[in-house]
N, C-alpha and C. Protein backbone atom coordinates (compact mmCIF):
# COMPACT_ATOMS: atom_id res chain seq x y z
N UNK A 1 -52.07 83.43 -46.51
CA UNK A 1 -51.19 82.83 -47.51
C UNK A 1 -49.76 83.35 -47.39
N UNK A 2 -49.49 84.11 -46.32
CA UNK A 2 -48.13 84.61 -46.08
C UNK A 2 -47.68 84.27 -44.67
N UNK A 3 -46.39 84.44 -44.44
CA UNK A 3 -45.80 84.24 -43.12
C UNK A 3 -44.77 85.34 -42.89
N UNK A 4 -44.26 85.41 -41.68
CA UNK A 4 -43.22 86.38 -41.30
C UNK A 4 -43.63 87.80 -41.68
N UNK A 5 -44.84 88.18 -41.24
CA UNK A 5 -45.30 89.54 -41.46
C UNK A 5 -45.56 89.88 -42.91
N UNK A 6 -45.88 88.90 -43.72
CA UNK A 6 -46.17 89.14 -45.13
C UNK A 6 -44.96 89.09 -46.03
N UNK A 7 -43.80 88.75 -45.49
CA UNK A 7 -42.57 88.74 -46.31
C UNK A 7 -42.29 87.39 -46.96
N UNK A 8 -43.11 86.38 -46.66
CA UNK A 8 -42.88 85.02 -47.17
C UNK A 8 -44.21 84.40 -47.58
N UNK A 9 -44.25 83.83 -48.78
CA UNK A 9 -45.46 83.16 -49.25
C UNK A 9 -45.52 81.74 -48.71
N UNK A 10 -46.70 81.32 -48.29
CA UNK A 10 -46.89 79.93 -47.87
C UNK A 10 -47.16 79.02 -49.06
N UNK A 11 -47.47 79.59 -50.22
CA UNK A 11 -47.63 78.83 -51.46
C UNK A 11 -46.25 78.74 -52.10
N UNK A 12 -45.78 77.53 -52.35
CA UNK A 12 -44.43 77.30 -52.87
C UNK A 12 -44.48 76.61 -54.22
N UNK A 13 -43.51 76.93 -55.07
CA UNK A 13 -43.38 76.24 -56.36
C UNK A 13 -42.88 74.81 -56.16
N UNK A 14 -41.97 74.62 -55.23
CA UNK A 14 -41.42 73.30 -54.90
C UNK A 14 -41.34 73.16 -53.39
N UNK A 15 -41.56 71.95 -52.92
CA UNK A 15 -41.42 71.69 -51.50
C UNK A 15 -40.03 71.15 -51.23
N UNK A 16 -39.42 71.61 -50.16
CA UNK A 16 -38.06 71.18 -49.86
C UNK A 16 -37.99 70.20 -48.69
N UNK A 17 -39.09 70.00 -48.01
CA UNK A 17 -39.06 69.12 -46.85
C UNK A 17 -40.13 68.06 -46.92
N UNK A 18 -40.34 67.38 -45.80
CA UNK A 18 -41.35 66.32 -45.78
C UNK A 18 -42.76 66.88 -45.97
N UNK A 19 -43.64 66.07 -46.57
CA UNK A 19 -45.02 66.45 -46.80
C UNK A 19 -45.93 65.56 -45.97
N UNK A 20 -47.07 66.10 -45.59
CA UNK A 20 -48.02 65.32 -44.80
C UNK A 20 -49.17 64.78 -45.64
N UNK A 21 -49.30 65.24 -46.89
CA UNK A 21 -50.38 64.76 -47.77
C UNK A 21 -49.84 64.58 -49.18
N UNK A 22 -50.31 63.56 -49.84
CA UNK A 22 -49.93 63.34 -51.24
C UNK A 22 -50.74 64.27 -52.14
N UNK A 23 -50.21 64.57 -53.30
CA UNK A 23 -50.88 65.46 -54.24
C UNK A 23 -52.31 64.99 -54.53
N UNK A 24 -52.50 63.70 -54.70
CA UNK A 24 -53.82 63.16 -55.03
C UNK A 24 -54.80 63.20 -53.86
N UNK A 25 -54.29 63.41 -52.64
CA UNK A 25 -55.15 63.42 -51.46
C UNK A 25 -55.76 64.78 -51.15
N UNK A 26 -55.30 65.83 -51.80
CA UNK A 26 -55.76 67.19 -51.49
C UNK A 26 -56.83 67.60 -52.50
N UNK A 27 -58.04 67.87 -52.00
CA UNK A 27 -59.13 68.30 -52.88
C UNK A 27 -59.20 69.82 -53.00
N UNK A 28 -59.02 70.53 -51.87
CA UNK A 28 -59.12 71.98 -51.85
C UNK A 28 -58.00 72.58 -51.02
N UNK A 29 -57.56 73.78 -51.41
CA UNK A 29 -56.65 74.58 -50.60
C UNK A 29 -57.33 75.93 -50.43
N UNK A 30 -57.38 76.42 -49.19
CA UNK A 30 -58.06 77.67 -48.88
C UNK A 30 -57.05 78.64 -48.27
N UNK A 31 -57.01 79.86 -48.80
CA UNK A 31 -56.20 80.93 -48.21
C UNK A 31 -57.09 82.16 -48.06
N UNK A 32 -56.52 83.23 -47.53
CA UNK A 32 -57.25 84.49 -47.42
C UNK A 32 -57.62 85.04 -48.79
N UNK A 33 -56.95 84.56 -49.83
CA UNK A 33 -57.15 85.06 -51.19
C UNK A 33 -58.21 84.28 -51.97
N UNK A 34 -58.64 83.13 -51.46
CA UNK A 34 -59.64 82.34 -52.17
C UNK A 34 -59.50 80.85 -51.94
N UNK A 35 -60.18 80.09 -52.79
CA UNK A 35 -60.22 78.63 -52.70
C UNK A 35 -59.75 78.04 -54.03
N UNK A 36 -58.87 77.07 -53.96
CA UNK A 36 -58.41 76.36 -55.16
C UNK A 36 -58.91 74.92 -55.09
N UNK A 37 -59.70 74.52 -56.09
CA UNK A 37 -60.15 73.12 -56.18
C UNK A 37 -59.10 72.37 -56.98
N UNK A 38 -58.48 71.38 -56.35
CA UNK A 38 -57.37 70.66 -56.97
C UNK A 38 -57.75 69.26 -57.44
N UNK A 39 -58.83 68.71 -56.91
CA UNK A 39 -59.19 67.34 -57.27
C UNK A 39 -59.52 67.22 -58.75
N UNK A 40 -59.04 66.14 -59.33
CA UNK A 40 -59.28 65.83 -60.75
C UNK A 40 -58.77 66.91 -61.70
N UNK A 41 -57.73 67.62 -61.31
CA UNK A 41 -57.14 68.66 -62.16
C UNK A 41 -55.75 68.21 -62.62
N UNK A 42 -55.36 68.66 -63.79
CA UNK A 42 -54.01 68.38 -64.28
C UNK A 42 -53.01 69.15 -63.42
N UNK A 43 -51.76 68.77 -63.52
CA UNK A 43 -50.71 69.46 -62.78
C UNK A 43 -50.68 70.95 -63.14
N UNK A 44 -50.85 71.27 -64.41
CA UNK A 44 -50.85 72.67 -64.84
C UNK A 44 -52.02 73.43 -64.23
N UNK A 45 -53.19 72.85 -64.24
CA UNK A 45 -54.35 73.53 -63.65
C UNK A 45 -54.21 73.67 -62.13
N UNK A 46 -53.61 72.69 -61.49
CA UNK A 46 -53.37 72.79 -60.05
C UNK A 46 -52.44 73.97 -59.75
N UNK A 47 -51.36 74.07 -60.52
CA UNK A 47 -50.41 75.16 -60.32
C UNK A 47 -51.09 76.51 -60.53
N UNK A 48 -51.85 76.64 -61.60
CA UNK A 48 -52.55 77.90 -61.87
C UNK A 48 -53.52 78.26 -60.76
N UNK A 49 -54.25 77.27 -60.25
CA UNK A 49 -55.20 77.52 -59.17
C UNK A 49 -54.50 77.96 -57.90
N UNK A 50 -53.36 77.33 -57.59
CA UNK A 50 -52.61 77.71 -56.39
C UNK A 50 -52.02 79.11 -56.52
N UNK A 51 -51.54 79.44 -57.70
CA UNK A 51 -50.99 80.79 -57.92
C UNK A 51 -52.09 81.83 -57.73
N UNK A 52 -53.31 81.54 -58.20
CA UNK A 52 -54.42 82.49 -58.06
C UNK A 52 -54.77 82.76 -56.60
N UNK A 53 -54.55 81.80 -55.70
CA UNK A 53 -54.91 82.02 -54.30
C UNK A 53 -53.70 82.42 -53.44
N UNK A 54 -52.55 82.59 -54.08
CA UNK A 54 -51.38 83.12 -53.36
C UNK A 54 -51.59 84.62 -53.15
N UNK A 55 -50.88 85.18 -52.21
CA UNK A 55 -50.95 86.63 -51.98
C UNK A 55 -50.51 87.34 -53.26
N UNK A 56 -51.19 88.42 -53.64
CA UNK A 56 -50.85 89.13 -54.88
C UNK A 56 -49.38 89.54 -54.99
N UNK A 57 -48.73 89.81 -53.88
CA UNK A 57 -47.31 90.20 -53.92
C UNK A 57 -46.40 89.08 -54.41
N UNK A 58 -46.88 87.84 -54.38
CA UNK A 58 -46.04 86.70 -54.73
C UNK A 58 -46.47 85.99 -56.02
N UNK A 59 -47.56 86.41 -56.63
CA UNK A 59 -48.07 85.71 -57.82
C UNK A 59 -47.11 85.76 -59.00
N UNK A 60 -46.51 86.90 -59.25
CA UNK A 60 -45.58 87.01 -60.39
C UNK A 60 -44.37 86.09 -60.18
N UNK A 61 -43.84 86.08 -58.97
CA UNK A 61 -42.69 85.22 -58.66
C UNK A 61 -43.06 83.74 -58.80
N UNK A 62 -44.22 83.35 -58.29
CA UNK A 62 -44.66 81.96 -58.41
C UNK A 62 -44.90 81.58 -59.86
N UNK A 63 -45.46 82.49 -60.63
CA UNK A 63 -45.68 82.23 -62.06
C UNK A 63 -44.35 82.02 -62.77
N UNK A 64 -43.36 82.85 -62.47
CA UNK A 64 -42.03 82.70 -63.08
C UNK A 64 -41.40 81.37 -62.68
N UNK A 65 -41.53 81.00 -61.42
CA UNK A 65 -40.97 79.72 -60.96
C UNK A 65 -41.67 78.55 -61.65
N UNK A 66 -42.97 78.64 -61.83
CA UNK A 66 -43.72 77.58 -62.52
C UNK A 66 -43.27 77.47 -63.97
N UNK A 67 -43.11 78.62 -64.64
CA UNK A 67 -42.66 78.61 -66.03
C UNK A 67 -41.27 77.98 -66.15
N UNK A 68 -40.40 78.27 -65.19
CA UNK A 68 -39.06 77.68 -65.19
C UNK A 68 -39.13 76.16 -65.00
N UNK A 69 -39.99 75.71 -64.11
CA UNK A 69 -40.16 74.27 -63.92
C UNK A 69 -40.66 73.60 -65.20
N UNK A 70 -41.57 74.24 -65.90
CA UNK A 70 -42.07 73.69 -67.16
C UNK A 70 -40.97 73.60 -68.21
N UNK A 71 -40.11 74.60 -68.26
CA UNK A 71 -39.00 74.60 -69.23
C UNK A 71 -38.03 73.45 -68.96
N UNK A 72 -37.82 73.12 -67.70
CA UNK A 72 -36.89 72.05 -67.33
C UNK A 72 -37.40 70.66 -67.70
N UNK A 73 -38.70 70.50 -67.74
CA UNK A 73 -39.30 69.17 -67.97
C UNK A 73 -39.40 68.82 -69.42
């Protein structure tokens, strides 16, 4: 769930480039930290599941980014 020697999380709050799969097309995401079942889940539950399978070093940052996104909406 990390890149560049553990200094970068592969789990992102927002995507900045092109995507190869639509949100509704992804049922599961698997990392070294666990499995997130995304099918038939609300956006909030999807975010929480993805944060849980992110590397522990990045969970607080991802949670803060998610909370900021919720405040903007």
